[in-house]
Amino acid sequence: MPVTSPLRLARAAAFTAVCLGLGVVAHLFSGGVVTPGALALGLPAVFAAALPLSGRERTLRAILPLLAALQVALHALFALSSPASSPWHVIAGHVMAGHAHAGPGFGMLLGHGWAVVLTALWLARGEAALWALLRRLAVRLTRIAADPAPPVFTPPASPHPDEPRLPRSVAPRHCVTRRGPPPRLLQPSA
């Protein structure tokens, strides 16, 4: 089994969290029930689908179909794991809701479609930002690696090294030293 980098694992985990969160929220919002068993099955399934695609930068063209397919799979998984429904009831109910009366079925499909498209756009923008940051970091590290020794600062040599240095004033140059009585009063009178 190939070794997977932490960046690939983090990207796959982020996609899994967004995809699974979108599926759960959409399913609960539409009145469905999500069981813990369905979540336990959906989490590794989405992660396993996202991990092979996390090796390089993905665009909207790759993210949108994967997200849409996984949302359909998660919707079916959540519907089939609902305690009040049998597989035949779920399939027949979806067929009837989609074809017999187009109201709720079409509205749900439209809502899921918009959610998938907006989430895919959001993920694609995050992908582009991450890869732009990594490219900038690679350029910077390449420059550092090309010139590994930082310049060493050496003070300039004195033009006359044998001459004694003048003592510096105790007070810094930027301080104003006008404390005390005026200079005229300090001089003794003759």
N, C-alpha and C. Protein backbone atom coordinates (compact mmCIF):
# COMPACT_ATOMS: atom_id res chain seq x y z
N MET A 1 0.85 -1.18 0.00
CA MET A 1 0.00 0.00 0.00
C MET A 1 0.89 1.24 0.00
N PRO A 2 0.65 2.19 -0.89
CA PRO A 2 1.52 3.37 -0.94
C PRO A 2 1.33 4.26 0.27
N VAL A 3 2.42 4.91 0.64
CA VAL A 3 2.37 5.84 1.77
C VAL A 3 1.65 7.11 1.31
N THR A 4 0.73 7.56 2.12
CA THR A 4 -0.05 8.75 1.79
C THR A 4 0.44 9.91 2.63
N SER A 5 0.65 11.03 1.98
CA SER A 5 1.16 12.21 2.69
C SER A 5 0.07 12.81 3.57
N PRO A 6 0.49 13.52 4.62
CA PRO A 6 -0.50 14.17 5.49
C PRO A 6 -1.37 15.18 4.74
N LEU A 7 -0.80 15.83 3.73
CA LEU A 7 -1.59 16.80 2.96
C LEU A 7 -2.71 16.10 2.20
N ARG A 8 -2.43 14.93 1.62
CA ARG A 8 -3.47 14.18 0.91
C ARG A 8 -4.55 13.73 1.89
N LEU A 9 -4.14 13.26 3.05
CA LEU A 9 -5.13 12.82 4.05
C LEU A 9 -5.98 14.01 4.51
N ALA A 10 -5.34 15.16 4.72
CA ALA A 10 -6.10 16.34 5.17
C ALA A 10 -7.08 16.80 4.09
N ARG A 11 -6.67 16.79 2.83
CA ARG A 11 -7.56 17.21 1.75
C ARG A 11 -8.73 16.24 1.60
N ALA A 12 -8.45 14.94 1.69
CA ALA A 12 -9.53 13.95 1.60
C ALA A 12 -10.47 14.07 2.79
N ALA A 13 -9.91 14.33 3.97
CA ALA A 13 -10.75 14.49 5.16
C ALA A 13 -11.63 15.74 5.06
N ALA A 14 -11.08 16.82 4.53
CA ALA A 14 -11.87 18.05 4.36
C ALA A 14 -13.00 17.82 3.36
N PHE A 15 -12.71 17.15 2.25
CA PHE A 15 -13.75 16.86 1.27
C PHE A 15 -14.81 15.95 1.89
N THR A 16 -14.39 14.97 2.67
CA THR A 16 -15.32 14.05 3.31
C THR A 16 -16.23 14.80 4.28
N ALA A 17 -15.65 15.67 5.07
CA ALA A 17 -16.45 16.42 6.05
C ALA A 17 -17.48 17.30 5.35
N VAL A 18 -17.07 17.98 4.28
CA VAL A 18 -18.00 18.86 3.57
C VAL A 18 -19.08 18.04 2.88
N CYS A 19 -18.69 16.98 2.20
CA CYS A 19 -19.65 16.15 1.46
C CYS A 19 -20.64 15.47 2.40
N LEU A 20 -20.12 14.86 3.46
CA LEU A 20 -21.00 14.18 4.40
C LEU A 20 -21.87 15.18 5.15
N GLY A 21 -21.31 16.31 5.52
CA GLY A 21 -22.12 17.33 6.19
C GLY A 21 -23.24 17.85 5.31
N LEU A 22 -22.93 18.09 4.04
CA LEU A 22 -23.95 18.54 3.10
C LEU A 22 -25.05 17.48 2.95
N GLY A 23 -24.65 16.22 2.84
CA GLY A 23 -25.64 15.15 2.69
C GLY A 23 -26.54 15.02 3.91
N VAL A 24 -25.96 15.08 5.09
CA VAL A 24 -26.73 14.94 6.33
C VAL A 24 -27.68 16.12 6.50
N VAL A 25 -27.16 17.33 6.33
CA VAL A 25 -28.00 18.52 6.50
C VAL A 25 -29.14 18.53 5.49
N ALA A 26 -28.82 18.22 4.24
CA ALA A 26 -29.87 18.22 3.21
C ALA A 26 -30.92 17.15 3.49
N HIS A 27 -30.47 15.99 3.95
CA HIS A 27 -31.42 14.91 4.23
C HIS A 27 -32.31 15.25 5.43
N LEU A 28 -31.69 15.81 6.47
CA LEU A 28 -32.49 16.19 7.65
C LEU A 28 -33.41 17.36 7.33
N PHE A 29 -32.95 18.31 6.52
CA PHE A 29 -33.75 19.45 6.16
C PHE A 29 -34.98 19.06 5.35
N SER A 30 -34.83 18.00 4.53
CA SER A 30 -35.96 17.57 3.71
C SER A 30 -36.88 16.61 4.47
N GLY A 31 -36.63 16.41 5.76
CA GLY A 31 -37.53 15.61 6.57
C GLY A 31 -37.11 14.16 6.74
N GLY A 32 -35.94 13.80 6.27
CA GLY A 32 -35.46 12.42 6.40
C GLY A 32 -34.83 12.16 7.75
N VAL A 33 -34.44 10.93 7.95
CA VAL A 33 -33.80 10.50 9.19
C VAL A 33 -32.43 9.94 8.83
N VAL A 34 -31.42 10.32 9.60
CA VAL A 34 -30.07 9.80 9.39
C VAL A 34 -29.70 8.98 10.62
N THR A 35 -29.45 7.70 10.41
CA THR A 35 -29.10 6.83 11.52
C THR A 35 -27.58 6.82 11.72
N PRO A 36 -27.13 6.51 12.93
CA PRO A 36 -25.68 6.42 13.17
C PRO A 36 -25.02 5.34 12.31
N GLY A 37 -25.74 4.27 12.03
CA GLY A 37 -25.18 3.23 11.17
C GLY A 37 -24.93 3.72 9.76
N ALA A 38 -25.83 4.55 9.25
CA ALA A 38 -25.64 5.11 7.91
C ALA A 38 -24.44 6.05 7.89
N LEU A 39 -24.28 6.82 8.96
CA LEU A 39 -23.10 7.68 9.03
C LEU A 39 -21.82 6.86 9.10
N ALA A 40 -21.87 5.76 9.86
CA ALA A 40 -20.70 4.89 9.99
C ALA A 40 -20.34 4.23 8.66
N LEU A 41 -21.31 4.00 7.80
CA LEU A 41 -21.03 3.45 6.47
C LEU A 41 -20.64 4.55 5.48
N GLY A 42 -21.26 5.71 5.60
CA GLY A 42 -21.03 6.79 4.65
C GLY A 42 -19.67 7.44 4.80
N LEU A 43 -19.20 7.58 6.03
CA LEU A 43 -17.92 8.25 6.27
C LEU A 43 -16.75 7.56 5.57
N PRO A 44 -16.52 6.28 5.79
CA PRO A 44 -15.38 5.65 5.10
C PRO A 44 -15.59 5.54 3.59
N ALA A 45 -16.84 5.42 3.17
CA ALA A 45 -17.10 5.32 1.73
C ALA A 45 -16.73 6.63 1.02
N VAL A 46 -17.13 7.75 1.59
CA VAL A 46 -16.80 9.04 0.97
C VAL A 46 -15.30 9.28 1.05
N PHE A 47 -14.68 8.95 2.17
CA PHE A 47 -13.24 9.13 2.32
C PHE A 47 -12.48 8.27 1.30
N ALA A 48 -12.93 7.04 1.12
CA ALA A 48 -12.28 6.14 0.15
C ALA A 48 -12.45 6.66 -1.28
N ALA A 49 -13.55 7.31 -1.58
CA ALA A 49 -13.74 7.88 -2.92
C ALA A 49 -12.91 9.14 -3.12
N ALA A 50 -12.67 9.91 -2.06
CA ALA A 50 -11.95 11.17 -2.18
C ALA A 50 -10.44 10.99 -2.14
N LEU A 51 -9.94 9.99 -1.43
CA LEU A 51 -8.50 9.83 -1.24
C LEU A 51 -7.72 9.65 -2.54
N PRO A 52 -8.15 8.81 -3.48
CA PRO A 52 -7.36 8.68 -4.71
C PRO A 52 -7.30 9.96 -5.54
N LEU A 53 -8.27 10.82 -5.39
CA LEU A 53 -8.30 12.06 -6.17
C LEU A 53 -7.59 13.21 -5.48
N SER A 54 -7.01 12.97 -4.31
CA SER A 54 -6.40 14.08 -3.56
C SER A 54 -4.91 14.21 -3.82
N GLY A 55 -4.38 13.51 -4.81
CA GLY A 55 -2.95 13.55 -5.09
C GLY A 55 -2.48 14.81 -5.78
N ARG A 56 -3.35 15.44 -6.53
CA ARG A 56 -2.95 16.66 -7.22
C ARG A 56 -4.14 17.62 -7.24
N GLU A 57 -3.91 18.80 -7.79
CA GLU A 57 -4.94 19.84 -7.77
C GLU A 57 -6.15 19.41 -8.60
N ARG A 58 -7.33 19.62 -8.02
CA ARG A 58 -8.58 19.29 -8.71
C ARG A 58 -9.34 20.57 -9.01
N THR A 59 -9.93 20.60 -10.19
CA THR A 59 -10.71 21.76 -10.61
C THR A 59 -12.19 21.46 -10.41
N LEU A 60 -13.01 22.42 -10.75
CA LEU A 60 -14.46 22.25 -10.64
C LEU A 60 -14.92 21.09 -11.51
N ARG A 61 -14.26 20.89 -12.63
CA ARG A 61 -14.62 19.81 -13.55
C ARG A 61 -14.48 18.43 -12.89
N ALA A 62 -13.57 18.27 -11.96
CA ALA A 62 -13.41 16.99 -11.27
C ALA A 62 -14.23 16.94 -9.97
N ILE A 63 -14.36 18.08 -9.30
CA ILE A 63 -15.04 18.10 -8.00
C ILE A 63 -16.55 17.96 -8.14
N LEU A 64 -17.15 18.65 -9.10
CA LEU A 64 -18.61 18.66 -9.25
C LEU A 64 -19.20 17.27 -9.50
N PRO A 65 -18.70 16.49 -10.46
CA PRO A 65 -19.30 15.16 -10.66
C PRO A 65 -19.10 14.23 -9.47
N LEU A 66 -17.93 14.30 -8.84
CA LEU A 66 -17.69 13.45 -7.67
C LEU A 66 -18.64 13.82 -6.54
N LEU A 67 -18.79 15.09 -6.28
CA LEU A 67 -19.68 15.54 -5.21
C LEU A 67 -21.12 15.16 -5.51
N ALA A 68 -21.56 15.34 -6.75
CA ALA A 68 -22.93 14.99 -7.12
C ALA A 68 -23.18 13.49 -6.99
N ALA A 69 -22.24 12.68 -7.45
CA ALA A 69 -22.41 11.22 -7.36
C ALA A 69 -22.44 10.77 -5.90
N LEU A 70 -21.57 11.35 -5.09
CA LEU A 70 -21.55 10.96 -3.68
C LEU A 70 -22.80 11.44 -2.95
N GLN A 71 -23.36 12.58 -3.34
CA GLN A 71 -24.61 13.04 -2.72
C GLN A 71 -25.76 12.09 -3.05
N VAL A 72 -25.80 11.62 -4.29
CA VAL A 72 -26.84 10.65 -4.67
C VAL A 72 -26.66 9.36 -3.88
N ALA A 73 -25.42 8.90 -3.76
CA ALA A 73 -25.15 7.66 -3.01
C ALA A 73 -25.49 7.84 -1.53
N LEU A 74 -25.12 8.98 -0.95
CA LEU A 74 -25.45 9.22 0.46
C LEU A 74 -26.96 9.33 0.67
N HIS A 75 -27.64 9.98 -0.26
CA HIS A 75 -29.10 10.09 -0.15
C HIS A 75 -29.74 8.70 -0.17
N ALA A 76 -29.28 7.85 -1.07
CA ALA A 76 -29.82 6.48 -1.14
C ALA A 76 -29.48 5.71 0.14
N LEU A 77 -28.26 5.87 0.63
CA LEU A 77 -27.86 5.18 1.86
C LEU A 77 -28.70 5.63 3.05
N PHE A 78 -28.91 6.93 3.18
CA PHE A 78 -29.71 7.44 4.28
C PHE A 78 -31.17 7.01 4.16
N ALA A 79 -31.68 7.01 2.95
CA ALA A 79 -33.08 6.61 2.75
C ALA A 79 -33.26 5.12 3.01
N LEU A 80 -32.30 4.31 2.58
CA LEU A 80 -32.41 2.86 2.80
C LEU A 80 -32.20 2.48 4.26
N SER A 81 -31.44 3.27 5.00
CA SER A 81 -31.19 2.94 6.40
C SER A 81 -32.25 3.52 7.34
N SER A 82 -33.21 4.22 6.79
CA SER A 82 -34.27 4.79 7.61
C SER A 82 -35.06 3.66 8.25
N PRO A 83 -35.36 3.73 9.54
CA PRO A 83 -36.04 2.63 10.22
C PRO A 83 -37.47 2.39 9.74
N ALA A 84 -38.10 3.38 9.13
CA ALA A 84 -39.51 3.24 8.75
C ALA A 84 -39.70 2.82 7.30
N SER A 85 -38.62 2.49 6.59
CA SER A 85 -38.80 2.19 5.18
C SER A 85 -38.08 0.91 4.78
N SER A 86 -38.66 0.24 3.83
CA SER A 86 -38.03 -0.92 3.23
C SER A 86 -37.40 -0.48 1.91
N PRO A 87 -36.47 -1.24 1.35
CA PRO A 87 -35.85 -0.82 0.09
C PRO A 87 -36.87 -0.62 -1.04
N TRP A 88 -37.87 -1.46 -1.13
CA TRP A 88 -38.86 -1.31 -2.20
C TRP A 88 -39.68 -0.04 -2.00
N HIS A 89 -40.03 0.24 -0.75
CA HIS A 89 -40.81 1.44 -0.44
C HIS A 89 -40.02 2.70 -0.79
N VAL A 90 -38.73 2.71 -0.49
CA VAL A 90 -37.88 3.87 -0.77
C VAL A 90 -37.77 4.08 -2.27
N ILE A 91 -37.49 3.03 -3.01
CA ILE A 91 -37.33 3.15 -4.46
C ILE A 91 -38.66 3.55 -5.11
N ALA A 92 -39.73 2.91 -4.73
CA ALA A 92 -41.04 3.24 -5.29
C ALA A 92 -41.45 4.66 -4.92
N GLY A 93 -41.17 5.07 -3.70
CA GLY A 93 -41.51 6.42 -3.26
C GLY A 93 -40.75 7.48 -4.04
N HIS A 94 -39.46 7.23 -4.32
CA HIS A 94 -38.68 8.20 -5.08
C HIS A 94 -39.14 8.26 -6.53
N VAL A 95 -39.49 7.12 -7.09
CA VAL A 95 -39.97 7.11 -8.47
C VAL A 95 -41.31 7.84 -8.55
N MET A 96 -42.19 7.56 -7.61
CA MET A 96 -43.51 8.20 -7.62
C MET A 96 -43.39 9.70 -7.35
N ALA A 97 -42.52 10.08 -6.42
CA ALA A 97 -42.38 11.50 -6.10
C ALA A 97 -41.76 12.25 -7.28
N GLY A 98 -40.91 11.59 -8.03
CA GLY A 98 -40.25 12.27 -9.14
C GLY A 98 -41.11 12.36 -10.38
N HIS A 99 -42.02 11.42 -10.61
CA HIS A 99 -42.74 11.39 -11.87
C HIS A 99 -44.24 11.69 -11.74
N ALA A 100 -44.86 11.26 -10.68
CA ALA A 100 -46.31 11.42 -10.58
C ALA A 100 -46.70 12.88 -10.36
N HIS A 101 -46.12 13.51 -9.37
CA HIS A 101 -46.39 14.92 -9.15
C HIS A 101 -45.03 15.61 -8.96
N ALA A 102 -44.75 16.54 -9.79
CA ALA A 102 -43.41 17.12 -9.87
C ALA A 102 -43.14 18.16 -8.79
N GLY A 103 -44.05 18.41 -7.88
CA GLY A 103 -43.86 19.44 -6.86
C GLY A 103 -42.72 19.14 -5.91
N PRO A 104 -42.91 18.28 -4.89
CA PRO A 104 -41.86 18.05 -3.91
C PRO A 104 -40.62 17.39 -4.49
N GLY A 105 -40.79 16.46 -5.41
CA GLY A 105 -39.64 15.77 -6.00
C GLY A 105 -38.76 16.73 -6.77
N PHE A 106 -39.34 17.61 -7.57
CA PHE A 106 -38.58 18.57 -8.35
C PHE A 106 -37.93 19.62 -7.44
N GLY A 107 -38.66 20.05 -6.43
CA GLY A 107 -38.11 21.03 -5.48
C GLY A 107 -36.92 20.47 -4.73
N MET A 108 -37.04 19.22 -4.30
CA MET A 108 -35.94 18.60 -3.58
C MET A 108 -34.74 18.43 -4.51
N LEU A 109 -34.99 18.01 -5.75
CA LEU A 109 -33.92 17.84 -6.72
C LEU A 109 -33.24 19.18 -7.02
N LEU A 110 -34.04 20.22 -7.16
CA LEU A 110 -33.50 21.55 -7.42
C LEU A 110 -32.67 22.05 -6.23
N GLY A 111 -33.18 21.85 -5.04
CA GLY A 111 -32.44 22.26 -3.84
C GLY A 111 -31.12 21.52 -3.69
N HIS A 112 -31.16 20.21 -3.90
CA HIS A 112 -29.93 19.42 -3.82
C HIS A 112 -28.95 19.85 -4.91
N GLY A 113 -29.47 20.13 -6.09
CA GLY A 113 -28.61 20.54 -7.21
C GLY A 113 -27.89 21.84 -6.91
N TRP A 114 -28.64 22.84 -6.40
CA TRP A 114 -28.01 24.11 -6.05
C TRP A 114 -26.99 23.94 -4.94
N ALA A 115 -27.32 23.12 -3.95
CA ALA A 115 -26.38 22.90 -2.85
C ALA A 115 -25.10 22.23 -3.35
N VAL A 116 -25.24 21.28 -4.24
CA VAL A 116 -24.07 20.59 -4.78
C VAL A 116 -23.22 21.56 -5.61
N VAL A 117 -23.85 22.36 -6.45
CA VAL A 117 -23.10 23.29 -7.30
C VAL A 117 -22.38 24.33 -6.45
N LEU A 118 -23.08 24.92 -5.47
CA LEU A 118 -22.44 25.93 -4.63
C LEU A 118 -21.31 25.34 -3.79
N THR A 119 -21.52 24.14 -3.26
CA THR A 119 -20.48 23.50 -2.47
C THR A 119 -19.29 23.13 -3.35
N ALA A 120 -19.54 22.67 -4.57
CA ALA A 120 -18.45 22.35 -5.48
C ALA A 120 -17.65 23.60 -5.85
N LEU A 121 -18.35 24.72 -6.06
CA LEU A 121 -17.65 25.98 -6.34
C LEU A 121 -16.78 26.40 -5.15
N TRP A 122 -17.32 26.24 -3.96
CA TRP A 122 -16.59 26.59 -2.75
C TRP A 122 -15.35 25.71 -2.60
N LEU A 123 -15.50 24.41 -2.81
CA LEU A 123 -14.36 23.50 -2.72
C LEU A 123 -13.32 23.79 -3.80
N ALA A 124 -13.77 24.11 -5.00
CA ALA A 124 -12.82 24.42 -6.08
C ALA A 124 -12.03 25.68 -5.77
N ARG A 125 -12.67 26.69 -5.19
CA ARG A 125 -11.95 27.91 -4.81
C ARG A 125 -10.94 27.62 -3.70
N GLY A 126 -11.33 26.79 -2.74
CA GLY A 126 -10.39 26.40 -1.69
C GLY A 126 -9.21 25.62 -2.24
N GLU A 127 -9.47 24.74 -3.18
CA GLU A 127 -8.42 23.97 -3.86
C GLU A 127 -7.45 24.91 -4.56
N ALA A 128 -7.97 25.87 -5.30
CA ALA A 128 -7.11 26.81 -6.03
C ALA A 128 -6.27 27.64 -5.06
N ALA A 129 -6.87 28.07 -3.96
CA ALA A 129 -6.13 28.86 -2.97
C ALA A 129 -5.03 28.03 -2.31
N LEU A 130 -5.33 26.79 -1.97
CA LEU A 130 -4.34 25.92 -1.35
C LEU A 130 -3.16 25.69 -2.28
N TRP A 131 -3.43 25.38 -3.53
CA TRP A 131 -2.35 25.09 -4.47
C TRP A 131 -1.56 26.35 -4.82
N ALA A 132 -2.19 27.49 -4.85
CA ALA A 132 -1.45 28.74 -5.08
C ALA A 132 -0.49 28.99 -3.91
N LEU A 133 -0.96 28.75 -2.70
CA LEU A 133 -0.11 28.91 -1.52
C LEU A 133 1.06 27.93 -1.56
N LEU A 134 0.80 26.68 -1.92
CA LEU A 134 1.87 25.69 -1.98
C LEU A 134 2.89 26.02 -3.07
N ARG A 135 2.44 26.55 -4.21
CA ARG A 135 3.38 26.95 -5.27
C ARG A 135 4.26 28.11 -4.80
N ARG A 136 3.66 29.09 -4.11
CA ARG A 136 4.46 30.21 -3.58
C ARG A 136 5.47 29.73 -2.56
N LEU A 137 5.05 28.82 -1.71
CA LEU A 137 5.94 28.28 -0.70
C LEU A 137 7.09 27.52 -1.35
N ALA A 138 6.80 26.76 -2.41
CA ALA A 138 7.85 26.01 -3.11
C ALA A 138 8.86 26.96 -3.75
N VAL A 139 8.39 28.05 -4.33
CA VAL A 139 9.31 29.03 -4.93
C VAL A 139 10.20 29.63 -3.85
N ARG A 140 9.61 29.98 -2.74
CA ARG A 140 10.39 30.59 -1.67
C ARG A 140 11.41 29.62 -1.09
N LEU A 141 11.01 28.36 -0.89
CA LEU A 141 11.95 27.38 -0.36
C LEU A 141 13.05 27.07 -1.36
N THR A 142 12.75 27.11 -2.65
CA THR A 142 13.76 26.90 -3.67
C THR A 142 14.79 28.02 -3.64
N ARG A 143 14.33 29.24 -3.47
CA ARG A 143 15.26 30.37 -3.36
C ARG A 143 16.14 30.26 -2.13
N ILE A 144 15.57 29.83 -1.04
CA ILE A 144 16.35 29.67 0.19
C ILE A 144 17.36 28.55 0.02
N ALA A 145 16.97 27.45 -0.62
CA ALA A 145 17.87 26.33 -0.82
C ALA A 145 19.00 26.68 -1.79
N ALA A 146 18.75 27.55 -2.76
CA ALA A 146 19.77 27.94 -3.73
C ALA A 146 20.86 28.78 -3.07
N ASP A 147 20.53 29.58 -2.08
CA ASP A 147 21.49 30.42 -1.38
C ASP A 147 21.36 30.14 0.12
N PRO A 148 21.95 29.02 0.58
CA PRO A 148 21.72 28.62 1.97
C PRO A 148 22.41 29.50 3.01
N ALA A 149 23.55 30.12 2.66
CA ALA A 149 24.26 30.91 3.65
C ALA A 149 23.76 32.35 3.64
N PRO A 150 23.21 32.80 4.74
CA PRO A 150 22.77 34.20 4.79
C PRO A 150 24.00 35.11 4.82
N PRO A 151 23.87 36.30 4.34
CA PRO A 151 25.03 37.21 4.37
C PRO A 151 25.42 37.52 5.82
N VAL A 152 26.72 37.53 6.05
CA VAL A 152 27.23 37.79 7.39
C VAL A 152 27.61 39.27 7.45
N PHE A 153 27.10 39.94 8.45
CA PHE A 153 27.39 41.36 8.60
C PHE A 153 28.69 41.53 9.37
N THR A 154 29.61 42.23 8.76
CA THR A 154 30.86 42.57 9.44
C THR A 154 30.95 44.09 9.48
N PRO A 155 31.30 44.63 10.61
CA PRO A 155 31.40 46.09 10.67
C PRO A 155 32.57 46.56 9.79
N PRO A 156 32.42 47.72 9.20
CA PRO A 156 33.51 48.21 8.34
C PRO A 156 34.77 48.48 9.16
N ALA A 157 35.89 48.24 8.53
CA ALA A 157 37.16 48.45 9.22
C ALA A 157 37.42 49.95 9.37
N SER A 158 38.05 50.30 10.45
CA SER A 158 38.37 51.69 10.71
C SER A 158 39.49 52.13 9.75
N PRO A 159 39.40 53.35 9.21
CA PRO A 159 40.46 53.77 8.30
C PRO A 159 41.80 53.92 9.00
N HIS A 160 41.78 54.19 10.30
CA HIS A 160 43.02 54.35 11.07
C HIS A 160 42.93 53.45 12.31
N PRO A 161 43.33 52.21 12.20
CA PRO A 161 43.15 51.30 13.33
C PRO A 161 44.06 51.60 14.52
N ASP A 162 45.19 52.35 14.31
CA ASP A 162 46.10 52.59 15.41
C ASP A 162 45.67 53.75 16.30
N GLU A 163 44.81 54.62 15.81
CA GLU A 163 44.38 55.76 16.59
C GLU A 163 43.42 55.32 17.69
N PRO A 164 43.58 55.93 18.87
CA PRO A 164 42.64 55.56 19.93
C PRO A 164 41.24 56.09 19.62
N ARG A 165 40.28 55.33 20.03
CA ARG A 165 38.90 55.75 19.80
C ARG A 165 38.51 56.80 20.82
N LEU A 166 37.72 57.73 20.38
CA LEU A 166 37.24 58.77 21.28
C LEU A 166 36.17 58.18 22.18
N PRO A 167 36.19 58.54 23.45
CA PRO A 167 35.16 58.01 24.34
C PRO A 167 33.80 58.60 23.98
N ARG A 168 32.83 57.76 24.07
CA ARG A 168 31.46 58.22 23.79
C ARG A 168 30.90 58.92 25.00
N SER A 169 29.98 59.81 24.74
CA SER A 169 29.30 60.53 25.80
C SER A 169 28.43 59.54 26.57
N VAL A 170 28.25 59.81 27.84
CA VAL A 170 27.41 58.95 28.66
C VAL A 170 25.96 59.06 28.21
N ALA A 171 25.55 60.26 27.88
CA ALA A 171 24.15 60.46 27.45
C ALA A 171 24.02 60.11 25.97
N PRO A 172 22.97 59.45 25.61
CA PRO A 172 22.77 59.16 24.19
C PRO A 172 22.60 60.44 23.38
N ARG A 173 22.85 60.34 22.08
CA ARG A 173 22.80 61.51 21.22
C ARG A 173 21.41 62.10 21.12
N HIS A 174 20.41 61.28 21.21
CA HIS A 174 19.06 61.77 21.00
C HIS A 174 18.42 62.34 22.27
N CYS A 175 19.10 62.30 23.39
CA CYS A 175 18.54 62.84 24.63
C CYS A 175 18.85 64.33 24.74
N VAL A 176 17.94 65.03 25.32
CA VAL A 176 18.12 66.46 25.60
C VAL A 176 18.60 66.56 27.04
N THR A 177 19.79 67.14 27.21
CA THR A 177 20.36 67.22 28.55
C THR A 177 20.43 68.67 29.01
N ARG A 178 19.30 69.24 29.32
CA ARG A 178 19.23 70.62 29.78
C ARG A 178 18.69 70.71 31.19
N ARG A 179 18.94 69.76 31.99
CA ARG A 179 18.43 69.80 33.36
C ARG A 179 19.38 70.60 34.24
N GLY A 180 18.87 71.20 35.27
CA GLY A 180 19.70 71.95 36.21
C GLY A 180 19.57 73.45 36.01
N PRO A 181 20.34 74.22 36.79
CA PRO A 181 20.25 75.66 36.68
C PRO A 181 20.90 76.15 35.38
N PRO A 182 20.55 77.35 34.98
CA PRO A 182 21.15 77.89 33.74
C PRO A 182 22.67 77.99 33.90
N PRO A 183 23.41 77.87 32.80
CA PRO A 183 24.87 77.88 32.88
C PRO A 183 25.46 79.15 33.46
N ARG A 184 24.83 80.31 33.33
CA ARG A 184 25.35 81.56 33.88
C ARG A 184 25.42 81.53 35.38
N LEU A 185 24.52 80.94 36.03
CA LEU A 185 24.50 80.91 37.49
C LEU A 185 25.55 79.97 38.06
N LEU A 186 26.03 79.02 37.28
CA LEU A 186 27.01 78.06 37.78
C LEU A 186 28.42 78.64 37.81
N GLN A 187 28.70 79.68 37.01
CA GLN A 187 30.04 80.24 36.95
C GLN A 187 30.27 81.13 38.19
N PRO A 188 31.46 81.00 38.85
CA PRO A 188 31.74 81.84 40.03
C PRO A 188 31.94 83.31 39.61
N SER A 189 31.52 84.19 40.45
CA SER A 189 31.64 85.60 40.13
C SER A 189 33.04 86.10 40.56
N ALA A 190 33.61 87.02 39.82
CA ALA A 190 34.97 87.48 40.08
C ALA A 190 35.05 88.72 40.90
